[in-house]
Amino acid sequence: MIRGFTLSACKGKITNTQAHVKYKLGICMVVLSLTLPIIGILLTFVPMPSTLKIFVSLVCIIGLPDILFCLGAVLAGKEVVTKIKAKVFHYYNKPVGKARYYFGCTLFASSILANFALQSLFMIFDIIITQGPLLYYATITLNIMMILGFILSGHLFWDRLKRAFYYDREKMQPCIK
């Protein structure tokens, strides 16, 4: 026996120690995939060259979490991933009241409109040269507002938003008699 591996592991059988290591490694990968986007956002405030900052942030936000989540799901198993997702998104799936729904929708819509207006003003008046990082920080703040509005509105908002882009051929055909 060498470090928890027995001779039967060489014949293709998996021991309890190997299964436990795969389970723990899978859980670590899933948890890391859920925290990497936050790390990617926080890395934008670290003083480093802009090209490196953009590359590392994009990898932490877009590419690496998806890969780690898939690998972690394979290693940990479907039941573990379902439990972790239920705990992480538990607040999102709760039924929401009328005030919270409207506040979340208002926050979501106003952040999108303000972000569009801000970007347009900076492009039209070319203020970005004199203001420096103001546009950058304002855009990050408005994006965080949009995400918070999305979360606060609950799953009912997401279902309604999905329905706006759903194509149903029977409902689109005019009734001609």
N, C-alpha and C. Protein backbone atom coordinates (compact mmCIF):
# COMPACT_ATOMS: atom_id res chain seq x y z
N MET A 1 0.84 -1.18 0.00
CA MET A 1 0.00 0.00 0.00
C MET A 1 0.89 1.24 0.00
N ILE A 2 0.69 2.11 -0.99
CA ILE A 2 1.49 3.32 -1.10
C ILE A 2 0.55 4.52 -1.05
N ARG A 3 0.62 5.30 0.01
CA ARG A 3 -0.17 6.53 0.18
C ARG A 3 -1.66 6.33 -0.11
N GLY A 4 -2.27 5.34 0.45
CA GLY A 4 -3.70 5.12 0.31
C GLY A 4 -4.10 4.34 -0.93
N PHE A 5 -3.17 4.03 -1.80
CA PHE A 5 -3.50 3.26 -2.99
C PHE A 5 -3.08 1.82 -2.77
N THR A 6 -4.00 0.92 -3.03
CA THR A 6 -3.70 -0.49 -2.85
C THR A 6 -3.39 -1.11 -4.20
N LEU A 7 -3.00 -2.37 -4.14
CA LEU A 7 -2.67 -3.08 -5.37
C LEU A 7 -3.90 -3.23 -6.26
N SER A 8 -5.11 -3.27 -5.62
CA SER A 8 -6.32 -3.43 -6.42
C SER A 8 -6.58 -2.20 -7.29
N ALA A 9 -6.02 -1.05 -6.92
CA ALA A 9 -6.19 0.16 -7.73
C ALA A 9 -5.48 0.01 -9.07
N CYS A 10 -4.43 -0.75 -9.07
CA CYS A 10 -3.69 -0.95 -10.31
C CYS A 10 -4.47 -1.84 -11.28
N LYS A 11 -5.39 -2.65 -10.76
CA LYS A 11 -6.17 -3.54 -11.61
C LYS A 11 -7.42 -2.86 -12.15
N GLY A 12 -7.61 -1.58 -11.86
CA GLY A 12 -8.76 -0.87 -12.38
C GLY A 12 -9.86 -0.65 -11.36
N LYS A 13 -9.72 -1.14 -10.15
CA LYS A 13 -10.72 -0.92 -9.12
C LYS A 13 -10.38 0.35 -8.34
N ILE A 14 -11.39 1.08 -7.94
CA ILE A 14 -11.18 2.32 -7.19
C ILE A 14 -11.45 2.04 -5.72
N THR A 15 -10.52 2.42 -4.86
CA THR A 15 -10.67 2.21 -3.42
C THR A 15 -11.44 3.37 -2.82
N ASN A 16 -11.80 3.23 -1.55
CA ASN A 16 -12.52 4.28 -0.84
C ASN A 16 -11.68 5.55 -0.73
N THR A 17 -10.38 5.41 -0.56
CA THR A 17 -9.50 6.57 -0.44
C THR A 17 -9.48 7.35 -1.73
N GLN A 18 -9.40 6.66 -2.85
CA GLN A 18 -9.40 7.35 -4.14
C GLN A 18 -10.74 8.04 -4.39
N ALA A 19 -11.83 7.40 -4.04
CA ALA A 19 -13.15 8.00 -4.23
C ALA A 19 -13.30 9.24 -3.34
N HIS A 20 -12.76 9.18 -2.12
CA HIS A 20 -12.82 10.32 -1.21
C HIS A 20 -12.01 11.49 -1.75
N VAL A 21 -10.85 11.21 -2.32
CA VAL A 21 -10.01 12.27 -2.90
C VAL A 21 -10.71 12.89 -4.10
N LYS A 22 -11.32 12.08 -4.96
CA LYS A 22 -12.05 12.60 -6.11
C LYS A 22 -13.23 13.47 -5.66
N TYR A 23 -13.91 13.02 -4.62
CA TYR A 23 -15.06 13.76 -4.09
C TYR A 23 -14.63 15.12 -3.57
N LYS A 24 -13.59 15.15 -2.74
CA LYS A 24 -13.09 16.41 -2.17
C LYS A 24 -12.56 17.34 -3.26
N LEU A 25 -11.84 16.80 -4.22
CA LEU A 25 -11.31 17.61 -5.32
C LEU A 25 -12.45 18.19 -6.16
N GLY A 26 -13.47 17.41 -6.40
CA GLY A 26 -14.63 17.89 -7.15
C GLY A 26 -15.36 19.00 -6.44
N ILE A 27 -15.54 18.88 -5.12
CA ILE A 27 -16.20 19.93 -4.35
C ILE A 27 -15.36 21.21 -4.38
N CYS A 28 -14.05 21.08 -4.22
CA CYS A 28 -13.18 22.26 -4.28
C CYS A 28 -13.27 22.95 -5.63
N MET A 29 -13.33 22.17 -6.71
CA MET A 29 -13.43 22.76 -8.05
C MET A 29 -14.76 23.49 -8.24
N VAL A 30 -15.85 22.93 -7.76
CA VAL A 30 -17.16 23.56 -7.90
C VAL A 30 -17.20 24.86 -7.09
N VAL A 31 -16.71 24.83 -5.86
CA VAL A 31 -16.71 26.04 -5.02
C VAL A 31 -15.80 27.10 -5.63
N LEU A 32 -14.66 26.71 -6.14
CA LEU A 32 -13.75 27.66 -6.79
C LEU A 32 -14.38 28.26 -8.04
N SER A 33 -15.14 27.46 -8.78
CA SER A 33 -15.80 27.98 -9.98
C SER A 33 -16.86 29.01 -9.63
N LEU A 34 -17.46 28.90 -8.45
CA LEU A 34 -18.47 29.87 -8.04
C LEU A 34 -17.85 31.15 -7.48
N THR A 35 -16.61 31.08 -7.00
CA THR A 35 -15.96 32.26 -6.42
C THR A 35 -15.03 32.98 -7.40
N LEU A 36 -14.64 32.34 -8.47
CA LEU A 36 -13.72 32.97 -9.42
C LEU A 36 -14.26 34.25 -10.06
N PRO A 37 -15.54 34.36 -10.41
CA PRO A 37 -16.00 35.64 -10.97
C PRO A 37 -15.83 36.81 -10.00
N ILE A 38 -16.01 36.57 -8.71
CA ILE A 38 -15.81 37.63 -7.72
C ILE A 38 -14.34 38.02 -7.68
N ILE A 39 -13.47 37.03 -7.73
CA ILE A 39 -12.03 37.31 -7.75
C ILE A 39 -11.65 38.09 -9.01
N GLY A 40 -12.26 37.73 -10.14
CA GLY A 40 -11.99 38.45 -11.39
C GLY A 40 -12.39 39.91 -11.32
N ILE A 41 -13.51 40.20 -10.67
CA ILE A 41 -13.94 41.59 -10.52
C ILE A 41 -13.00 42.33 -9.58
N LEU A 42 -12.59 41.69 -8.50
CA LEU A 42 -11.69 42.35 -7.55
C LEU A 42 -10.30 42.57 -8.13
N LEU A 43 -9.88 41.73 -9.07
CA LEU A 43 -8.57 41.90 -9.70
C LEU A 43 -8.46 43.18 -10.52
N THR A 44 -9.60 43.72 -10.91
CA THR A 44 -9.55 44.95 -11.71
C THR A 44 -9.05 46.14 -10.89
N PHE A 45 -9.10 46.04 -9.57
CA PHE A 45 -8.63 47.13 -8.72
C PHE A 45 -7.16 46.98 -8.33
N VAL A 46 -6.53 45.89 -8.72
CA VAL A 46 -5.12 45.66 -8.40
C VAL A 46 -4.25 46.43 -9.40
N PRO A 47 -3.23 47.14 -8.91
CA PRO A 47 -2.37 47.87 -9.86
C PRO A 47 -1.47 46.90 -10.64
N MET A 48 -1.77 46.74 -11.90
CA MET A 48 -0.99 45.90 -12.81
C MET A 48 -1.22 46.43 -14.22
N PRO A 49 -0.44 46.00 -15.18
CA PRO A 49 -0.64 46.49 -16.55
C PRO A 49 -2.05 46.16 -17.06
N SER A 50 -2.59 47.05 -17.86
CA SER A 50 -3.98 46.93 -18.32
C SER A 50 -4.22 45.66 -19.11
N THR A 51 -3.31 45.29 -19.98
CA THR A 51 -3.53 44.09 -20.79
C THR A 51 -3.56 42.83 -19.94
N LEU A 52 -2.68 42.76 -18.96
CA LEU A 52 -2.68 41.61 -18.05
C LEU A 52 -3.94 41.60 -17.19
N LYS A 53 -4.36 42.77 -16.74
CA LYS A 53 -5.56 42.89 -15.91
C LYS A 53 -6.79 42.42 -16.69
N ILE A 54 -6.90 42.84 -17.94
CA ILE A 54 -8.05 42.45 -18.76
C ILE A 54 -8.03 40.95 -19.03
N PHE A 55 -6.86 40.41 -19.35
CA PHE A 55 -6.76 38.98 -19.65
C PHE A 55 -7.11 38.13 -18.43
N VAL A 56 -6.52 38.44 -17.29
CA VAL A 56 -6.76 37.65 -16.08
C VAL A 56 -8.22 37.78 -15.64
N SER A 57 -8.79 38.99 -15.74
CA SER A 57 -10.19 39.18 -15.35
C SER A 57 -11.12 38.38 -16.25
N LEU A 58 -10.88 38.40 -17.54
CA LEU A 58 -11.73 37.64 -18.47
C LEU A 58 -11.62 36.14 -18.24
N VAL A 59 -10.42 35.67 -17.98
CA VAL A 59 -10.25 34.24 -17.70
C VAL A 59 -10.98 33.86 -16.42
N CYS A 60 -10.90 34.72 -15.40
CA CYS A 60 -11.56 34.43 -14.13
C CYS A 60 -13.08 34.54 -14.22
N ILE A 61 -13.58 35.37 -15.11
CA ILE A 61 -15.02 35.58 -15.19
C ILE A 61 -15.67 34.66 -16.22
N ILE A 62 -15.04 34.49 -17.36
CA ILE A 62 -15.71 33.77 -18.46
C ILE A 62 -15.21 32.33 -18.63
N GLY A 63 -13.93 32.11 -18.80
CA GLY A 63 -13.46 30.80 -19.22
C GLY A 63 -13.29 29.78 -18.13
N LEU A 64 -12.52 30.11 -17.14
CA LEU A 64 -12.12 29.14 -16.12
C LEU A 64 -13.26 28.62 -15.25
N PRO A 65 -14.22 29.45 -14.81
CA PRO A 65 -15.30 28.90 -13.97
C PRO A 65 -16.11 27.80 -14.65
N ASP A 66 -16.37 27.95 -15.93
CA ASP A 66 -17.15 26.92 -16.64
C ASP A 66 -16.39 25.60 -16.70
N ILE A 67 -15.12 25.68 -16.99
CA ILE A 67 -14.30 24.47 -17.06
C ILE A 67 -14.20 23.80 -15.70
N LEU A 68 -13.94 24.60 -14.65
CA LEU A 68 -13.82 24.03 -13.31
C LEU A 68 -15.14 23.44 -12.82
N PHE A 69 -16.26 24.09 -13.14
CA PHE A 69 -17.54 23.57 -12.71
C PHE A 69 -17.83 22.22 -13.37
N CYS A 70 -17.55 22.11 -14.66
CA CYS A 70 -17.78 20.83 -15.36
C CYS A 70 -16.88 19.73 -14.82
N LEU A 71 -15.60 20.04 -14.63
CA LEU A 71 -14.69 19.03 -14.08
C LEU A 71 -15.08 18.65 -12.66
N GLY A 72 -15.45 19.63 -11.85
CA GLY A 72 -15.89 19.35 -10.49
C GLY A 72 -17.15 18.52 -10.45
N ALA A 73 -18.07 18.78 -11.38
CA ALA A 73 -19.30 18.00 -11.45
C ALA A 73 -19.01 16.55 -11.81
N VAL A 74 -18.06 16.35 -12.69
CA VAL A 74 -17.69 14.98 -13.08
C VAL A 74 -17.05 14.26 -11.89
N LEU A 75 -16.17 14.94 -11.18
CA LEU A 75 -15.46 14.30 -10.07
C LEU A 75 -16.34 14.12 -8.83
N ALA A 76 -17.16 15.11 -8.49
CA ALA A 76 -17.94 15.05 -7.26
C ALA A 76 -19.24 14.26 -7.42
N GLY A 77 -19.81 14.31 -8.59
CA GLY A 77 -21.07 13.61 -8.81
C GLY A 77 -22.23 14.58 -8.90
N LYS A 78 -23.29 14.12 -9.52
CA LYS A 78 -24.44 14.97 -9.80
C LYS A 78 -25.15 15.39 -8.51
N GLU A 79 -25.23 14.52 -7.53
CA GLU A 79 -25.94 14.83 -6.29
C GLU A 79 -25.28 15.98 -5.55
N VAL A 80 -23.96 15.99 -5.50
CA VAL A 80 -23.23 17.04 -4.79
C VAL A 80 -23.41 18.38 -5.49
N VAL A 81 -23.33 18.39 -6.81
CA VAL A 81 -23.50 19.63 -7.57
C VAL A 81 -24.92 20.17 -7.39
N THR A 82 -25.91 19.31 -7.37
CA THR A 82 -27.29 19.74 -7.16
C THR A 82 -27.47 20.36 -5.78
N LYS A 83 -26.85 19.76 -4.76
CA LYS A 83 -26.93 20.31 -3.41
C LYS A 83 -26.25 21.67 -3.31
N ILE A 84 -25.07 21.81 -3.92
CA ILE A 84 -24.34 23.08 -3.86
C ILE A 84 -25.12 24.16 -4.60
N LYS A 85 -25.65 23.85 -5.77
CA LYS A 85 -26.43 24.83 -6.52
C LYS A 85 -27.69 25.23 -5.75
N ALA A 86 -28.31 24.28 -5.06
CA ALA A 86 -29.51 24.60 -4.28
C ALA A 86 -29.17 25.55 -3.14
N LYS A 87 -28.00 25.35 -2.51
CA LYS A 87 -27.61 26.23 -1.41
C LYS A 87 -27.20 27.61 -1.91
N VAL A 88 -26.51 27.67 -3.04
CA VAL A 88 -26.05 28.95 -3.56
C VAL A 88 -27.22 29.77 -4.08
N PHE A 89 -28.13 29.15 -4.83
CA PHE A 89 -29.23 29.87 -5.46
C PHE A 89 -30.52 29.79 -4.66
N HIS A 90 -30.43 29.42 -3.38
CA HIS A 90 -31.61 29.31 -2.53
C HIS A 90 -32.33 30.66 -2.40
N TYR A 91 -31.58 31.72 -2.21
CA TYR A 91 -32.18 33.05 -2.05
C TYR A 91 -32.87 33.50 -3.33
N TYR A 92 -32.31 33.14 -4.45
CA TYR A 92 -32.87 33.54 -5.73
C TYR A 92 -34.20 32.85 -6.02
N ASN A 93 -34.35 31.60 -5.58
CA ASN A 93 -35.54 30.83 -5.91
C ASN A 93 -36.70 31.04 -4.94
N LYS A 94 -36.51 31.87 -3.91
CA LYS A 94 -37.60 32.14 -2.97
C LYS A 94 -38.66 32.98 -3.66
N PRO A 95 -39.93 32.78 -3.28
CA PRO A 95 -40.95 33.67 -3.82
C PRO A 95 -40.73 35.09 -3.30
N VAL A 96 -40.95 36.07 -4.16
CA VAL A 96 -40.68 37.45 -3.78
C VAL A 96 -41.99 38.20 -3.64
N GLY A 97 -41.96 39.23 -2.79
CA GLY A 97 -43.13 40.08 -2.62
C GLY A 97 -43.22 41.11 -3.74
N LYS A 98 -44.32 41.82 -3.75
CA LYS A 98 -44.56 42.80 -4.80
C LYS A 98 -43.55 43.94 -4.74
N ALA A 99 -43.25 44.43 -3.54
CA ALA A 99 -42.32 45.56 -3.41
C ALA A 99 -40.91 45.16 -3.84
N ARG A 100 -40.47 43.96 -3.43
CA ARG A 100 -39.13 43.51 -3.81
C ARG A 100 -39.04 43.28 -5.32
N TYR A 101 -40.10 42.74 -5.91
CA TYR A 101 -40.11 42.49 -7.34
C TYR A 101 -39.99 43.80 -8.12
N TYR A 102 -40.82 44.78 -7.74
CA TYR A 102 -40.78 46.06 -8.45
C TYR A 102 -39.47 46.81 -8.21
N PHE A 103 -38.94 46.71 -7.00
CA PHE A 103 -37.66 47.36 -6.72
C PHE A 103 -36.55 46.72 -7.56
N GLY A 104 -36.54 45.40 -7.65
CA GLY A 104 -35.54 44.70 -8.45
C GLY A 104 -35.67 45.03 -9.93
N CYS A 105 -36.91 45.06 -10.44
CA CYS A 105 -37.13 45.41 -11.85
C CYS A 105 -36.69 46.84 -12.14
N THR A 106 -36.99 47.76 -11.21
CA THR A 106 -36.59 49.16 -11.38
C THR A 106 -35.08 49.28 -11.37
N LEU A 107 -34.43 48.59 -10.44
CA LEU A 107 -32.97 48.62 -10.36
C LEU A 107 -32.34 48.05 -11.62
N PHE A 108 -32.89 46.95 -12.11
CA PHE A 108 -32.38 46.31 -13.33
C PHE A 108 -32.52 47.23 -14.53
N ALA A 109 -33.73 47.76 -14.74
CA ALA A 109 -33.98 48.60 -15.92
C ALA A 109 -33.23 49.93 -15.84
N SER A 110 -33.22 50.55 -14.67
CA SER A 110 -32.54 51.85 -14.56
C SER A 110 -31.04 51.72 -14.73
N SER A 111 -30.47 50.62 -14.29
CA SER A 111 -29.03 50.45 -14.46
C SER A 111 -28.67 50.25 -15.94
N ILE A 112 -29.51 49.55 -16.67
CA ILE A 112 -29.25 49.37 -18.10
C ILE A 112 -29.38 50.71 -18.84
N LEU A 113 -30.44 51.46 -18.53
CA LEU A 113 -30.64 52.75 -19.20
C LEU A 113 -29.54 53.75 -18.81
N ALA A 114 -29.17 53.78 -17.53
CA ALA A 114 -28.12 54.71 -17.09
C ALA A 114 -26.78 54.33 -17.71
N ASN A 115 -26.50 53.05 -17.82
CA ASN A 115 -25.25 52.61 -18.44
C ASN A 115 -25.21 53.01 -19.91
N PHE A 116 -26.32 52.85 -20.61
CA PHE A 116 -26.39 53.25 -22.01
C PHE A 116 -26.21 54.76 -22.15
N ALA A 117 -26.89 55.53 -21.30
CA ALA A 117 -26.78 56.99 -21.36
C ALA A 117 -25.36 57.44 -21.03
N LEU A 118 -24.76 56.83 -20.03
CA LEU A 118 -23.39 57.19 -19.64
C LEU A 118 -22.40 56.90 -20.75
N GLN A 119 -22.51 55.74 -21.34
CA GLN A 119 -21.61 55.38 -22.43
C GLN A 119 -21.80 56.33 -23.62
N SER A 120 -23.05 56.67 -23.92
CA SER A 120 -23.32 57.58 -25.04
C SER A 120 -22.76 58.97 -24.77
N LEU A 121 -22.93 59.47 -23.56
CA LEU A 121 -22.41 60.81 -23.22
C LEU A 121 -20.89 60.84 -23.31
N PHE A 122 -20.25 59.81 -22.82
CA PHE A 122 -18.80 59.78 -22.88
C PHE A 122 -18.30 59.68 -24.31
N MET A 123 -19.04 58.96 -25.17
CA MET A 123 -18.62 58.87 -26.56
C MET A 123 -18.86 60.17 -27.32
N ILE A 124 -20.02 60.77 -27.08
CA ILE A 124 -20.38 61.99 -27.81
C ILE A 124 -19.47 63.16 -27.42
N PHE A 125 -19.29 63.35 -26.12
CA PHE A 125 -18.55 64.52 -25.66
C PHE A 125 -17.07 64.25 -25.43
N ASP A 126 -16.64 63.02 -25.65
CA ASP A 126 -15.23 62.65 -25.53
C ASP A 126 -14.65 63.05 -24.16
N ILE A 127 -15.40 62.75 -23.11
CA ILE A 127 -14.98 63.11 -21.76
C ILE A 127 -14.00 62.09 -21.20
N ILE A 128 -13.94 60.92 -21.81
CA ILE A 128 -13.10 59.85 -21.26
C ILE A 128 -11.63 60.25 -21.17
N ILE A 129 -11.18 61.14 -22.04
CA ILE A 129 -9.77 61.55 -22.01
C ILE A 129 -9.49 62.37 -20.76
N THR A 130 -10.42 63.24 -20.36
CA THR A 130 -10.17 64.10 -19.21
C THR A 130 -10.55 63.46 -17.89
N GLN A 131 -11.52 62.53 -17.89
CA GLN A 131 -12.01 61.96 -16.64
C GLN A 131 -11.27 60.70 -16.20
N GLY A 132 -10.55 60.06 -17.05
CA GLY A 132 -9.78 58.87 -16.69
C GLY A 132 -10.65 57.70 -16.31
N PRO A 133 -10.48 57.18 -15.09
CA PRO A 133 -11.18 55.94 -14.71
C PRO A 133 -12.63 56.13 -14.28
N LEU A 134 -13.18 57.34 -14.41
CA LEU A 134 -14.56 57.57 -13.98
C LEU A 134 -15.55 56.69 -14.74
N LEU A 135 -15.39 56.59 -16.03
CA LEU A 135 -16.28 55.74 -16.83
C LEU A 135 -16.17 54.28 -16.40
N TYR A 136 -14.96 53.85 -16.14
CA TYR A 136 -14.71 52.47 -15.73
C TYR A 136 -15.44 52.14 -14.43
N TYR A 137 -15.28 52.98 -13.42
CA TYR A 137 -15.91 52.73 -12.11
C TYR A 137 -17.42 52.89 -12.18
N ALA A 138 -17.89 53.84 -12.97
CA ALA A 138 -19.34 54.01 -13.12
C ALA A 138 -19.95 52.80 -13.81
N THR A 139 -19.27 52.26 -14.81
CA THR A 139 -19.77 51.09 -15.52
C THR A 139 -19.81 49.87 -14.60
N ILE A 140 -18.78 49.69 -13.80
CA ILE A 140 -18.77 48.56 -12.85
C ILE A 140 -19.90 48.71 -11.84
N THR A 141 -20.11 49.93 -11.34
CA THR A 141 -21.19 50.16 -10.37
C THR A 141 -22.55 49.87 -11.00
N LEU A 142 -22.77 50.32 -12.21
CA LEU A 142 -24.05 50.08 -12.87
C LEU A 142 -24.25 48.61 -13.20
N ASN A 143 -23.19 47.90 -13.54
CA ASN A 143 -23.31 46.45 -13.78
C ASN A 143 -23.65 45.70 -12.51
N ILE A 144 -23.06 46.10 -11.40
CA ILE A 144 -23.39 45.48 -10.11
C ILE A 144 -24.84 45.77 -9.75
N MET A 145 -25.31 47.00 -10.03
CA MET A 145 -26.72 47.33 -9.80
C MET A 145 -27.63 46.45 -10.65
N MET A 146 -27.24 46.19 -11.89
CA MET A 146 -28.04 45.35 -12.77
C MET A 146 -28.12 43.93 -12.22
N ILE A 147 -27.01 43.39 -11.76
CA ILE A 147 -27.00 42.03 -11.21
C ILE A 147 -27.84 41.96 -9.95
N LEU A 148 -27.72 42.97 -9.08
CA LEU A 148 -28.53 42.99 -7.86
C LEU A 148 -30.02 43.10 -8.18
N GLY A 149 -30.36 43.91 -9.17
CA GLY A 149 -31.75 44.00 -9.58
C GLY A 149 -32.27 42.69 -10.12
N PHE A 150 -31.44 41.99 -10.86
CA PHE A 150 -31.81 40.69 -11.40
C PHE A 150 -32.05 39.68 -10.27
N ILE A 151 -31.18 39.70 -9.27
CA ILE A 151 -31.32 38.77 -8.14
C ILE A 151 -32.52 39.13 -7.28
N LEU A 152 -32.71 40.42 -7.02
CA LEU A 152 -33.82 40.84 -6.16
C LEU A 152 -35.19 40.56 -6.78
N SER A 153 -35.28 40.59 -8.11
CA SER A 153 -36.58 40.38 -8.75
C SER A 153 -37.03 38.93 -8.68
N GLY A 154 -36.12 38.01 -8.46
CA GLY A 154 -36.49 36.62 -8.30
C GLY A 154 -36.67 35.88 -9.61
N HIS A 155 -37.05 34.63 -9.50
CA HIS A 155 -37.15 33.77 -10.68
C HIS A 155 -38.33 34.14 -11.55
N LEU A 156 -39.35 34.81 -10.99
CA LEU A 156 -40.49 35.23 -11.79
C LEU A 156 -40.06 36.22 -12.88
N PHE A 157 -39.15 37.12 -12.54
CA PHE A 157 -38.64 38.09 -13.52
C PHE A 157 -37.90 37.36 -14.64
N TRP A 158 -37.08 36.38 -14.28
CA TRP A 158 -36.33 35.63 -15.29
C TRP A 158 -37.28 34.87 -16.20
N ASP A 159 -38.32 34.28 -15.65
CA ASP A 159 -39.29 33.56 -16.48
C ASP A 159 -40.00 34.51 -17.45
N ARG A 160 -40.35 35.69 -16.98
CA ARG A 160 -41.00 36.66 -17.86
C ARG A 160 -40.04 37.18 -18.92
N LEU A 161 -38.79 37.36 -18.56
CA LEU A 161 -37.79 37.83 -19.51
C LEU A 161 -37.55 36.76 -20.59
N LYS A 162 -37.52 35.50 -20.18
CA LYS A 162 -37.36 34.41 -21.16
C LYS A 162 -38.54 34.35 -22.11
N ARG A 163 -39.74 34.57 -21.58
CA ARG A 163 -40.94 34.53 -22.42
C ARG A 163 -40.94 35.61 -23.49
N ALA A 164 -40.27 36.72 -23.23
CA ALA A 164 -40.22 37.80 -24.21
C ALA A 164 -39.45 37.38 -25.46
N PHE A 165 -38.54 36.42 -25.32
CA PHE A 165 -37.71 35.98 -26.44
C PHE A 165 -38.09 34.58 -26.93
N TYR A 166 -39.20 34.04 -26.45
CA TYR A 166 -39.64 32.71 -26.83
C TYR A 166 -40.51 32.82 -28.08
N TYR A 167 -40.23 32.00 -29.05
CA TYR A 167 -40.98 32.02 -30.30
C TYR A 167 -41.94 30.85 -30.32
N ASP A 168 -43.23 31.15 -30.39
CA ASP A 168 -44.25 30.11 -30.49
C ASP A 168 -44.99 30.32 -31.81
N ARG A 169 -44.79 29.42 -32.71
CA ARG A 169 -45.30 29.59 -34.07
C ARG A 169 -46.83 29.66 -34.10
N GLU A 170 -47.51 28.86 -33.28
CA GLU A 170 -48.97 28.86 -33.29
C GLU A 170 -49.53 30.21 -32.85
N LYS A 171 -48.91 30.85 -31.87
CA LYS A 171 -49.41 32.13 -31.40
C LYS A 171 -49.08 33.27 -32.36
N MET A 172 -48.08 33.09 -33.20
CA MET A 172 -47.67 34.13 -34.12
C MET A 172 -48.46 34.10 -35.43
N GLN A 173 -49.08 32.99 -35.78
CA GLN A 173 -49.81 32.88 -37.02
C GLN A 173 -51.15 33.62 -36.89
N PRO A 174 -51.46 34.47 -37.85
CA PRO A 174 -52.77 35.15 -37.80
C PRO A 174 -53.89 34.16 -38.10
N CYS A 175 -54.99 34.33 -37.44
CA CYS A 175 -56.15 33.46 -37.65
C CYS A 175 -56.97 34.03 -38.81
N ILE A 176 -56.98 33.36 -39.90
CA ILE A 176 -57.75 33.77 -41.07
C ILE A 176 -58.84 32.74 -41.29
N LYS A 177 -60.07 33.20 -41.27
CA LYS A 177 -61.19 32.27 -41.46
C LYS A 177 -61.93 32.58 -42.71
